[in-house]
Structures are given as C-alpha cells and as structure tokens.
C-alpha cells in the first residue's frame, strides 16, 4: 500500500450518526483479519475515494466502507466480525398522569 495520510476513526461519527441513532465512536469492533479489538475511533479512515474506508490500525485490512449518495448509503462491514454498541440505560416508561 502506498503511503497516504489518514484521519482517525472519530471521522466516522458524523456519517455513521446519520445511519444510527447512537454514537458509534466508542463502539468496540473486532478485525476479521488479525483479531484486534478496539473502538471505532481507533480505525484509520481514508477519505480519498468516493466514500470512506476504515482500516484496522494493527494490520491495515479494510474493516468498514461507507459510501453516501443523495438518497441512500451503502455500509460494508465484512472486515469486522462484530460491532459492540454501547446503549443508554433503559428508562422505565412513565406511569399514568
């Protein structure tokens, strides 16, 4: 791979927030290639293509691809074996007034 500058995985927060209603920067994922586990914020994100490509900081394999069109988005996570998303604590439904 040629030497290109990259941004950290925090760059994915805005575009991913358009797809999901939770902050994914602290979500933990596992690289399918090397098994490294880390936060989405730790990924190396390259924005030199039509979309965003996020690579594992350990082995540089692609973990996430995100392409946005005017009326849809394509999310490819085949390089990620899982994504553990932190969720807010469940709030009980309010009772009758």
PDB file of N, CA and C in Angstrom:
ATOM      1  N   UNK A   1       0.846  -1.173   0.000  1.00  0.00           N
ATOM      2  CA  UNK A   1       0.000   0.000   0.000  1.00  0.00           C
ATOM      3  C   UNK A   1       0.888   1.231   0.000  1.00  0.00           C
ATOM      4  N   UNK A   2       0.514   2.207  -0.797  1.00  0.00           N
ATOM      5  CA  UNK A   2       1.289   3.443  -0.824  1.00  0.00           C
ATOM      6  C   UNK A   2       1.003   4.251   0.434  1.00  0.00           C
ATOM      7  N   UNK A   3       1.945   5.099   0.786  1.00  0.00           N
ATOM      8  CA  UNK A   3       1.827   5.916   1.988  1.00  0.00           C
ATOM      9  C   UNK A   3       0.838   7.054   1.743  1.00  0.00           C
ATOM     10  N   UNK A   4      -0.283   7.046   2.466  1.00  0.00           N
ATOM     11  CA  UNK A   4      -1.265   8.120   2.388  1.00  0.00           C
ATOM     12  C   UNK A   4      -1.608   8.549   3.797  1.00  0.00           C
ATOM     13  N   UNK A   5      -1.953   9.786   3.959  1.00  0.00           N
ATOM     14  CA  UNK A   5      -2.355  10.240   5.284  1.00  0.00           C
ATOM     15  C   UNK A   5      -3.775   9.763   5.557  1.00  0.00           C
ATOM     16  N   UNK A   6      -4.078   9.576   6.828  1.00  0.00           N
ATOM     17  CA  UNK A   6      -5.406   9.121   7.208  1.00  0.00           C
ATOM     18  C   UNK A   6      -5.884   9.939   8.400  1.00  0.00           C
ATOM     19  N   UNK A   7      -7.183   9.879   8.626  1.00  0.00           N
ATOM     20  CA  UNK A   7      -7.810  10.510   9.778  1.00  0.00           C
ATOM     21  C   UNK A   7      -8.162   9.413  10.764  1.00  0.00           C
ATOM     22  N   UNK A   8      -8.338   9.743  12.043  1.00  0.00           N
ATOM     23  CA  UNK A   8      -8.716   8.695  12.985  1.00  0.00           C
ATOM     24  C   UNK A   8     -10.204   8.382  12.850  1.00  0.00           C
ATOM     25  N   UNK A   9     -10.621   7.293  13.474  1.00  0.00           N
ATOM     26  CA  UNK A   9     -11.982   6.791  13.339  1.00  0.00           C
ATOM     27  C   UNK A   9     -13.064   7.726  13.844  1.00  0.00           C
ATOM     28  N   UNK A  10     -12.688   8.770  14.597  1.00  0.00           N
ATOM     29  CA  UNK A  10     -13.690   9.754  15.024  1.00  0.00           C
ATOM     30  C   UNK A  10     -14.344  10.413  13.823  1.00  0.00           C
ATOM     31  N   UNK A  11     -13.669  10.391  12.680  1.00  0.00           N
ATOM     32  CA  UNK A  11     -14.193  10.989  11.462  1.00  0.00           C
ATOM     33  C   UNK A  11     -15.459  10.270  10.997  1.00  0.00           C
ATOM     34  N   UNK A  12     -15.635   9.007  11.398  1.00  0.00           N
ATOM     35  CA  UNK A  12     -16.812   8.239  11.009  1.00  0.00           C
ATOM     36  C   UNK A  12     -18.056   8.627  11.801  1.00  0.00           C
ATOM     37  N   UNK A  13     -17.883   9.331  12.920  1.00  0.00           N
ATOM     38  CA  UNK A  13     -19.005   9.600  13.818  1.00  0.00           C
ATOM     39  C   UNK A  13     -20.152  10.322  13.126  1.00  0.00           C
ATOM     40  N   UNK A  14     -19.878  11.402  12.440  1.00  0.00           N
ATOM     41  CA  UNK A  14     -20.948  12.157  11.776  1.00  0.00           C
ATOM     42  C   UNK A  14     -21.674  11.341  10.722  1.00  0.00           C
ATOM     43  N   UNK A  15     -20.942  10.759   9.761  1.00  0.00           N
ATOM     44  CA  UNK A  15     -21.623   9.969   8.737  1.00  0.00           C
ATOM     45  C   UNK A  15     -22.369   8.758   9.293  1.00  0.00           C
ATOM     46  N   UNK A  16     -21.800   8.089  10.307  1.00  0.00           N
ATOM     47  CA  UNK A  16     -22.471   6.919  10.885  1.00  0.00           C
ATOM     48  C   UNK A  16     -23.673   7.345  11.718  1.00  0.00           C
ATOM     49  N   UNK A  17     -23.611   8.543  12.307  1.00  0.00           N
ATOM     50  CA  UNK A  17     -24.732   9.037  13.111  1.00  0.00           C
ATOM     51  C   UNK A  17     -25.958   9.267  12.227  1.00  0.00           C
ATOM     52  N   UNK A  18     -25.719   9.512  10.931  1.00  0.00           N
ATOM     53  CA  UNK A  18     -26.841   9.646  10.007  1.00  0.00           C
ATOM     54  C   UNK A  18     -27.571   8.317   9.838  1.00  0.00           C
ATOM     55  N   UNK A  19     -26.857   7.197  10.008  1.00  0.00           N
ATOM     56  CA  UNK A  19     -27.459   5.878   9.837  1.00  0.00           C
ATOM     57  C   UNK A  19     -27.969   5.304  11.148  1.00  0.00           C
ATOM     58  N   UNK A  20     -27.281   5.576  12.245  1.00  0.00           N
ATOM     59  CA  UNK A  20     -27.608   5.001  13.543  1.00  0.00           C
ATOM     60  C   UNK A  20     -27.933   6.136  14.519  1.00  0.00           C
ATOM     61  N   UNK A  21     -28.738   5.852  15.525  1.00  0.00           N
ATOM     62  CA  UNK A  21     -29.134   6.891  16.464  1.00  0.00           C
ATOM     63  C   UNK A  21     -28.250   6.945  17.701  1.00  0.00           C
ATOM     64  N   UNK A  22     -27.188   6.161  17.726  1.00  0.00           N
ATOM     65  CA  UNK A  22     -26.262   6.185  18.863  1.00  0.00           C
ATOM     66  C   UNK A  22     -24.873   6.580  18.383  1.00  0.00           C
ATOM     67  N   UNK A  23     -24.067   7.088  19.295  1.00  0.00           N
ATOM     68  CA  UNK A  23     -22.678   7.455  18.990  1.00  0.00           C
ATOM     69  C   UNK A  23     -21.860   6.174  18.858  1.00  0.00           C
ATOM     70  N   UNK A  24     -21.279   5.943  17.694  1.00  0.00           N
ATOM     71  CA  UNK A  24     -20.520   4.716  17.460  1.00  0.00           C
ATOM     72  C   UNK A  24     -19.024   4.871  17.694  1.00  0.00           C
ATOM     73  N   UNK A  25     -18.543   6.067  18.061  1.00  0.00           N
ATOM     74  CA  UNK A  25     -17.097   6.234  18.234  1.00  0.00           C
ATOM     75  C   UNK A  25     -16.549   5.364  19.351  1.00  0.00           C
ATOM     76  N   UNK A  26     -17.372   5.053  20.361  1.00  0.00           N
ATOM     77  CA  UNK A  26     -16.908   4.194  21.452  1.00  0.00           C
ATOM     78  C   UNK A  26     -17.330   2.740  21.265  1.00  0.00           C
ATOM     79  N   UNK A  27     -18.034   2.440  20.170  1.00  0.00           N
ATOM     80  CA  UNK A  27     -18.407   1.052  19.890  1.00  0.00           C
ATOM     81  C   UNK A  27     -17.142   0.229  19.644  1.00  0.00           C
ATOM     82  N   UNK A  28     -17.137  -0.993  20.149  1.00  0.00           N
ATOM     83  CA  UNK A  28     -15.977  -1.874  20.006  1.00  0.00           C
ATOM     84  C   UNK A  28     -16.220  -2.855  18.870  1.00  0.00           C
ATOM     85  N   UNK A  29     -15.192  -3.039  18.062  1.00  0.00           N
ATOM     86  CA  UNK A  29     -15.280  -3.985  16.960  1.00  0.00           C
ATOM     87  C   UNK A  29     -14.047  -4.864  16.925  1.00  0.00           C
ATOM     88  N   UNK A  30     -14.150  -5.969  16.206  1.00  0.00           N
ATOM     89  CA  UNK A  30     -13.039  -6.913  16.088  1.00  0.00           C
ATOM     90  C   UNK A  30     -12.700  -7.096  14.616  1.00  0.00           C
ATOM     91  N   UNK A  31     -11.408  -6.957  14.294  1.00  0.00           N
ATOM     92  CA  UNK A  31     -10.927  -7.133  12.925  1.00  0.00           C
ATOM     93  C   UNK A  31     -11.002  -8.616  12.545  1.00  0.00           C
ATOM     94  N   UNK A  32     -11.628  -8.884  11.422  1.00  0.00           N
ATOM     95  CA  UNK A  32     -11.736 -10.257  10.952  1.00  0.00           C
ATOM     96  C   UNK A  32     -10.368 -10.833  10.586  1.00  0.00           C
ATOM     97  N   UNK A  33      -9.466  -9.996  10.117  1.00  0.00           N
ATOM     98  CA  UNK A  33      -8.165 -10.474   9.653  1.00  0.00           C
ATOM     99  C   UNK A  33      -7.202 -10.826  10.785  1.00  0.00           C
ATOM    100  N   UNK A  34      -6.963  -9.880  11.703  1.00  0.00           N
ATOM    101  CA  UNK A  34      -5.941 -10.107  12.739  1.00  0.00           C
ATOM    102  C   UNK A  34      -6.507 -10.345  14.127  1.00  0.00           C
ATOM    103  N   UNK A  35      -7.808 -10.120  14.312  1.00  0.00           N
ATOM    104  CA  UNK A  35      -8.430 -10.357  15.610  1.00  0.00           C
ATOM    105  C   UNK A  35      -8.296  -9.207  16.601  1.00  0.00           C
ATOM    106  N   UNK A  36      -7.669  -8.114  16.196  1.00  0.00           N
ATOM    107  CA  UNK A  36      -7.519  -6.974  17.095  1.00  0.00           C
ATOM    108  C   UNK A  36      -8.896  -6.407  17.439  1.00  0.00           C
ATOM    109  N   UNK A  37      -9.090  -6.080  18.714  1.00  0.00           N
ATOM    110  CA  UNK A  37     -10.332  -5.478  19.176  1.00  0.00           C
ATOM    111  C   UNK A  37     -10.050  -4.050  19.596  1.00  0.00           C
ATOM    112  N   UNK A  38     -10.890  -3.119  19.167  1.00  0.00           N
ATOM    113  CA  UNK A  38     -10.709  -1.719  19.528  1.00  0.00           C
ATOM    114  C   UNK A  38     -11.932  -0.910  19.180  1.00  0.00           C
ATOM    115  N   UNK A  39     -11.894   0.349  19.552  1.00  0.00           N
ATOM    116  CA  UNK A  39     -13.038   1.235  19.300  1.00  0.00           C
ATOM    117  C   UNK A  39     -13.053   1.687  17.839  1.00  0.00           C
ATOM    118  N   UNK A  40     -14.216   2.101  17.393  1.00  0.00           N
ATOM    119  CA  UNK A  40     -14.341   2.648  16.037  1.00  0.00           C
ATOM    120  C   UNK A  40     -13.446   3.877  15.887  1.00  0.00           C
ATOM    121  N   UNK A  41     -13.263   4.614  16.973  1.00  0.00           N
ATOM    122  CA  UNK A  41     -12.427   5.814  16.929  1.00  0.00           C
ATOM    123  C   UNK A  41     -10.970   5.496  16.633  1.00  0.00           C
ATOM    124  N   UNK A  42     -10.544   4.266  16.882  1.00  0.00           N
ATOM    125  CA  UNK A  42      -9.139   3.912  16.656  1.00  0.00           C
ATOM    126  C   UNK A  42      -8.841   3.518  15.210  1.00  0.00           C
ATOM    127  N   UNK A  43      -9.869   3.361  14.389  1.00  0.00           N
ATOM    128  CA  UNK A  43      -9.653   2.967  12.997  1.00  0.00           C
ATOM    129  C   UNK A  43      -8.965   4.082  12.220  1.00  0.00           C
ATOM    130  N   UNK A  44      -8.243   3.711  11.191  1.00  0.00           N
ATOM    131  CA  UNK A  44      -7.608   4.677  10.282  1.00  0.00           C
ATOM    132  C   UNK A  44      -8.557   4.873   9.108  1.00  0.00           C
ATOM    133  N   UNK A  45      -9.075   6.082   8.961  1.00  0.00           N
ATOM    134  CA  UNK A  45     -10.093   6.364   7.952  1.00  0.00           C
ATOM    135  C   UNK A  45      -9.479   7.128   6.788  1.00  0.00           C
ATOM    136  N   UNK A  46      -9.678   6.599   5.598  1.00  0.00           N
ATOM    137  CA  UNK A  46      -9.187   7.222   4.375  1.00  0.00           C
ATOM    138  C   UNK A  46     -10.386   7.781   3.622  1.00  0.00           C
ATOM    139  N   UNK A  47     -10.310   9.047   3.259  1.00  0.00           N
ATOM    140  CA  UNK A  47     -11.434   9.698   2.575  1.00  0.00           C
ATOM    141  C   UNK A  47     -11.060  10.108   1.156  1.00  0.00           C
ATOM    142  N   UNK A  48     -10.061   9.459   0.568  1.00  0.00           N
ATOM    143  CA  UNK A  48      -9.575   9.809  -0.764  1.00  0.00           C
ATOM    144  C   UNK A  48     -10.344   9.113  -1.879  1.00  0.00           C
ATOM    145  N   UNK A  49     -11.383   8.382  -1.531  1.00  0.00           N
ATOM    146  CA  UNK A  49     -12.169   7.643  -2.514  1.00  0.00           C
ATOM    147  C   UNK A  49     -13.566   8.257  -2.584  1.00  0.00           C
ATOM    148  N   UNK A  50     -14.436   7.699  -3.386  1.00  0.00           N
ATOM    149  CA  UNK A  50     -15.809   8.215  -3.418  1.00  0.00           C
ATOM    150  C   UNK A  50     -16.509   8.115  -2.061  1.00  0.00           C
ATOM    151  N   UNK A  51     -16.053   7.245  -1.196  1.00  0.00           N
ATOM    152  CA  UNK A  51     -16.638   7.105   0.139  1.00  0.00           C
ATOM    153  C   UNK A  51     -15.540   7.102   1.190  1.00  0.00           C
ATOM    154  N   UNK A  52     -15.843   6.534   2.349  1.00  0.00           N
ATOM    155  CA  UNK A  52     -14.884   6.423   3.440  1.00  0.00           C
ATOM    156  C   UNK A  52     -14.461   4.968   3.591  1.00  0.00           C
ATOM    157  N   UNK A  53     -13.178   4.748   3.786  1.00  0.00           N
ATOM    158  CA  UNK A  53     -12.638   3.412   4.001  1.00  0.00           C
ATOM    159  C   UNK A  53     -11.922   3.434   5.344  1.00  0.00           C
ATOM    160  N   UNK A  54     -12.338   2.561   6.264  1.00  0.00           N
ATOM    161  CA  UNK A  54     -11.740   2.489   7.598  1.00  0.00           C
ATOM    162  C   UNK A  54     -10.945   1.196   7.711  1.00  0.00           C
ATOM    163  N   UNK A  55      -9.662   1.345   8.058  1.00  0.00           N
ATOM    164  CA  UNK A  55      -8.760   0.195   8.140  1.00  0.00           C
ATOM    165  C   UNK A  55      -8.349  -0.073   9.578  1.00  0.00           C
ATOM    166  N   UNK A  56      -8.029  -1.321   9.853  1.00  0.00           N
ATOM    167  CA  UNK A  56      -7.547  -1.746  11.161  1.00  0.00           C
ATOM    168  C   UNK A  56      -6.211  -1.060  11.441  1.00  0.00           C
ATOM    169  N   UNK A  57      -6.037  -0.472  12.625  1.00  0.00           N
ATOM    170  CA  UNK A  57      -4.764   0.182  12.934  1.00  0.00           C
ATOM    171  C   UNK A  57      -3.625  -0.806  13.141  1.00  0.00           C
ATOM    172  N   UNK A  58      -3.956  -2.082  13.307  1.00  0.00           N
ATOM    173  CA  UNK A  58      -2.931  -3.094  13.540  1.00  0.00           C
ATOM    174  C   UNK A  58      -2.411  -3.717  12.236  1.00  0.00           C
ATOM    175  N   UNK A  59      -3.337  -4.201  11.395  1.00  0.00           N
ATOM    176  CA  UNK A  59      -2.918  -4.923  10.187  1.00  0.00           C
ATOM    177  C   UNK A  59      -3.232  -4.172   8.891  1.00  0.00           C
ATOM    178  N   UNK A  60      -3.955  -3.051   8.976  1.00  0.00           N
ATOM    179  CA  UNK A  60      -4.318  -2.221   7.829  1.00  0.00           C
ATOM    180  C   UNK A  60      -5.342  -2.861   6.881  1.00  0.00           C
ATOM    181  N   UNK A  61      -5.983  -3.951   7.277  1.00  0.00           N
ATOM    182  CA  UNK A  61      -7.049  -4.517   6.451  1.00  0.00           C
ATOM    183  C   UNK A  61      -8.289  -3.643   6.555  1.00  0.00           C
ATOM    184  N   UNK A  62      -9.106  -3.631   5.497  1.00  0.00           N
ATOM    185  CA  UNK A  62     -10.332  -2.845   5.486  1.00  0.00           C
ATOM    186  C   UNK A  62     -11.354  -3.486   6.416  1.00  0.00           C
ATOM    187  N   UNK A  63     -11.902  -2.681   7.329  1.00  0.00           N
ATOM    188  CA  UNK A  63     -12.943  -3.162   8.241  1.00  0.00           C
ATOM    189  C   UNK A  63     -14.311  -2.579   7.897  1.00  0.00           C
ATOM    190  N   UNK A  64     -14.345  -1.329   7.427  1.00  0.00           N
ATOM    191  CA  UNK A  64     -15.611  -0.650   7.157  1.00  0.00           C
ATOM    192  C   UNK A  64     -15.478   0.178   5.887  1.00  0.00           C
ATOM    193  N   UNK A  65     -16.519   0.132   5.064  1.00  0.00           N
ATOM    194  CA  UNK A  65     -16.626   1.015   3.913  1.00  0.00           C
ATOM    195  C   UNK A  65     -17.982   1.698   4.013  1.00  0.00           C
ATOM    196  N   UNK A  66     -18.010   3.004   3.780  1.00  0.00           N
ATOM    197  CA  UNK A  66     -19.263   3.757   3.812  1.00  0.00           C
ATOM    198  C   UNK A  66     -19.289   4.703   2.626  1.00  0.00           C
ATOM    199  N   UNK A  67     -20.303   4.554   1.790  1.00  0.00           N
ATOM    200  CA  UNK A  67     -20.490   5.423   0.634  1.00  0.00           C
ATOM    201  C   UNK A  67     -21.870   6.045   0.762  1.00  0.00           C
ATOM    202  N   UNK A  68     -21.927   7.346   0.568  1.00  0.00           N
ATOM    203  CA  UNK A  68     -23.185   8.077   0.705  1.00  0.00           C
ATOM    204  C   UNK A  68     -23.578   8.658  -0.633  1.00  0.00           C
ATOM    205  N   UNK A  69     -24.825   8.410  -1.029  1.00  0.00           N
ATOM    206  CA  UNK A  69     -25.391   9.015  -2.220  1.00  0.00           C
ATOM    207  C   UNK A  69     -26.428  10.045  -1.796  1.00  0.00           C
ATOM    208  N   UNK A  70     -27.051  10.713  -2.749  1.00  0.00           N
ATOM    209  CA  UNK A  70     -28.026  11.745  -2.391  1.00  0.00           C
ATOM    210  C   UNK A  70     -29.213  11.201  -1.592  1.00  0.00           C
ATOM    211  N   UNK A  71     -29.623   9.964  -1.883  1.00  0.00           N
ATOM    212  CA  UNK A  71     -30.823   9.444  -1.223  1.00  0.00           C
ATOM    213  C   UNK A  71     -30.626   8.079  -0.575  1.00  0.00           C
ATOM    214  N   UNK A  72     -29.375   7.638  -0.417  1.00  0.00           N
ATOM    215  CA  UNK A  72     -29.119   6.339   0.226  1.00  0.00           C
ATOM    216  C   UNK A  72     -27.657   6.237   0.636  1.00  0.00           C
ATOM    217  N   UNK A  73     -27.372   5.246   1.450  1.00  0.00           N
ATOM    218  CA  UNK A  73     -25.998   4.989   1.891  1.00  0.00           C
ATOM    219  C   UNK A  73     -25.732   3.492   1.792  1.00  0.00           C
ATOM    220  N   UNK A  74     -24.480   3.142   1.516  1.00  0.00           N
ATOM    221  CA  UNK A  74     -24.044   1.758   1.471  1.00  0.00           C
ATOM    222  C   UNK A  74     -23.019   1.560   2.579  1.00  0.00           C
ATOM    223  N   UNK A  75     -23.256   0.597   3.448  1.00  0.00           N
ATOM    224  CA  UNK A  75     -22.356   0.293   4.554  1.00  0.00           C
ATOM    225  C   UNK A  75     -21.893  -1.148   4.413  1.00  0.00           C
ATOM    226  N   UNK A  76     -20.590  -1.330   4.274  1.00  0.00           N
ATOM    227  CA  UNK A  76     -19.986  -2.664   4.146  1.00  0.00           C
ATOM    228  C   UNK A  76     -19.087  -2.875   5.351  1.00  0.00           C
ATOM    229  N   UNK A  77     -19.422  -3.844   6.191  1.00  0.00           N
ATOM    230  CA  UNK A  77     -18.642  -4.133   7.400  1.00  0.00           C
ATOM    231  C   UNK A  77     -18.096  -5.556   7.373  1.00  0.00           C
ATOM    232  N   UNK A  78     -17.865  -6.112   6.193  1.00  0.00           N
ATOM    233  CA  UNK A  78     -17.453  -7.508   6.119  1.00  0.00           C
ATOM    234  C   UNK A  78     -16.074  -7.772   6.720  1.00  0.00           C
ATOM    235  N   UNK A  79     -15.267  -6.744   6.954  1.00  0.00           N
ATOM    236  CA  UNK A  79     -13.967  -6.918   7.604  1.00  0.00           C
ATOM    237  C   UNK A  79     -14.044  -6.844   9.122  1.00  0.00           C
ATOM    238  N   UNK A  80     -15.262  -6.712   9.648  1.00  0.00           N
ATOM    239  CA  UNK A  80     -15.494  -6.607  11.084  1.00  0.00           C
ATOM    240  C   UNK A  80     -16.302  -7.821  11.518  1.00  0.00           C
ATOM    241  N   UNK A  81     -15.774  -8.596  12.478  1.00  0.00           N
ATOM    242  CA  UNK A  81     -16.510  -9.789  12.896  1.00  0.00           C
ATOM    243  C   UNK A  81     -17.691  -9.453  13.788  1.00  0.00           C
ATOM    244  N   UNK A  82     -17.594  -8.369  14.550  1.00  0.00           N
ATOM    245  CA  UNK A  82     -18.745  -7.895  15.331  1.00  0.00           C
ATOM    246  C   UNK A  82     -18.563  -6.419  15.645  1.00  0.00           C
ATOM    247  N   UNK A  83     -19.648  -5.800  16.040  1.00  0.00           N
ATOM    248  CA  UNK A  83     -19.626  -4.410  16.497  1.00  0.00           C
ATOM    249  C   UNK A  83     -20.462  -4.353  17.768  1.00  0.00           C
ATOM    250  N   UNK A  84     -19.817  -4.070  18.869  1.00  0.00           N
ATOM    251  CA  UNK A  84     -20.487  -3.981  20.168  1.00  0.00           C
ATOM    252  C   UNK A  84     -20.809  -2.522  20.426  1.00  0.00           C
ATOM    253  N   UNK A  85     -22.100  -2.185  20.448  1.00  0.00           N
ATOM    254  CA  UNK A  85     -22.550  -0.799  20.536  1.00  0.00           C
ATOM    255  C   UNK A  85     -23.045  -0.498  21.951  1.00  0.00           C
ATOM    256  N   UNK A  86     -22.461   0.518  22.611  1.00  0.00           N
ATOM    257  CA  UNK A  86     -22.963   0.877  23.933  1.00  0.00           C
ATOM    258  C   UNK A  86     -24.339   1.529  23.811  1.00  0.00           C
ATOM    259  N   UNK A  87     -25.254   1.105  24.660  1.00  0.00           N
ATOM    260  CA  UNK A  87     -26.612   1.636  24.638  1.00  0.00           C
ATOM    261  C   UNK A  87     -26.897   2.342  25.956  1.00  0.00           C
ATOM    262  N   UNK A  88     -27.711   3.393  25.911  1.00  0.00           N
ATOM    263  CA  UNK A  88     -28.076   4.069  27.158  1.00  0.00           C
ATOM    264  C   UNK A  88     -28.884   3.123  28.043  1.00  0.00           C
ATOM    265  N   UNK A  89     -28.785   3.348  29.339  1.00  0.00           N
ATOM    266  CA  UNK A  89     -29.554   2.531  30.277  1.00  0.00           C
ATOM    267  C   UNK A  89     -31.034   2.694  29.963  1.00  0.00           C
ATOM    268  N   UNK A  90     -31.762   1.585  30.067  1.00  0.00           N
ATOM    269  CA  UNK A  90     -33.184   1.619  29.780  1.00  0.00           C
ATOM    270  C   UNK A  90     -33.906   2.464  30.811  1.00  0.00           C
ATOM    271  N   UNK A  91     -34.722   3.353  30.341  1.00  0.00           N
ATOM    272  CA  UNK A  91     -35.530   4.181  31.226  1.00  0.00           C
ATOM    273  C   UNK A  91     -36.928   3.600  31.291  1.00  0.00           C
ATOM    274  N   UNK A  92     -37.490   3.459  32.486  1.00  0.00           N
ATOM    275  CA  UNK A  92     -38.866   2.941  32.568  1.00  0.00           C
ATOM    276  C   UNK A  92     -39.846   3.917  31.931  1.00  0.00           C
ATOM    277  N   UNK A  93     -40.901   3.364  31.382  1.00  0.00           N
ATOM    278  CA  UNK A  93     -41.924   4.219  30.795  1.00  0.00           C
ATOM    279  C   UNK A  93     -42.625   4.968  31.935  1.00  0.00           C
ATOM    280  N   UNK A  94     -42.922   6.241  31.719  1.00  0.00           N
ATOM    281  CA  UNK A  94     -43.636   6.981  32.772  1.00  0.00           C
ATOM    282  C   UNK A  94     -45.030   6.419  32.983  1.00  0.00           C
ATOM    283  N   UNK A  95     -45.477   6.438  34.209  1.00  0.00           N
ATOM    284  CA  UNK A  95     -46.812   5.947  34.546  1.00  0.00           C
ATOM    285  C   UNK A  95     -47.875   6.949  34.142  1.00  0.00           C
ATOM    286  N   UNK A  96     -49.118   6.584  34.344  1.00  0.00           N
ATOM    287  CA  UNK A  96     -50.209   7.498  34.007  1.00  0.00           C
ATOM    288  C   UNK A  96     -50.141   8.770  34.845  1.00  0.00           C
ATOM    289  N   UNK A  97     -50.546   9.864  34.265  1.00  0.00           N
ATOM    290  CA  UNK A  97     -50.545  11.147  34.982  1.00  0.00           C
ATOM    291  C   UNK A  97     -51.764  11.318  35.833  1.00  0.00           C
TER     292      UNK A  97
END
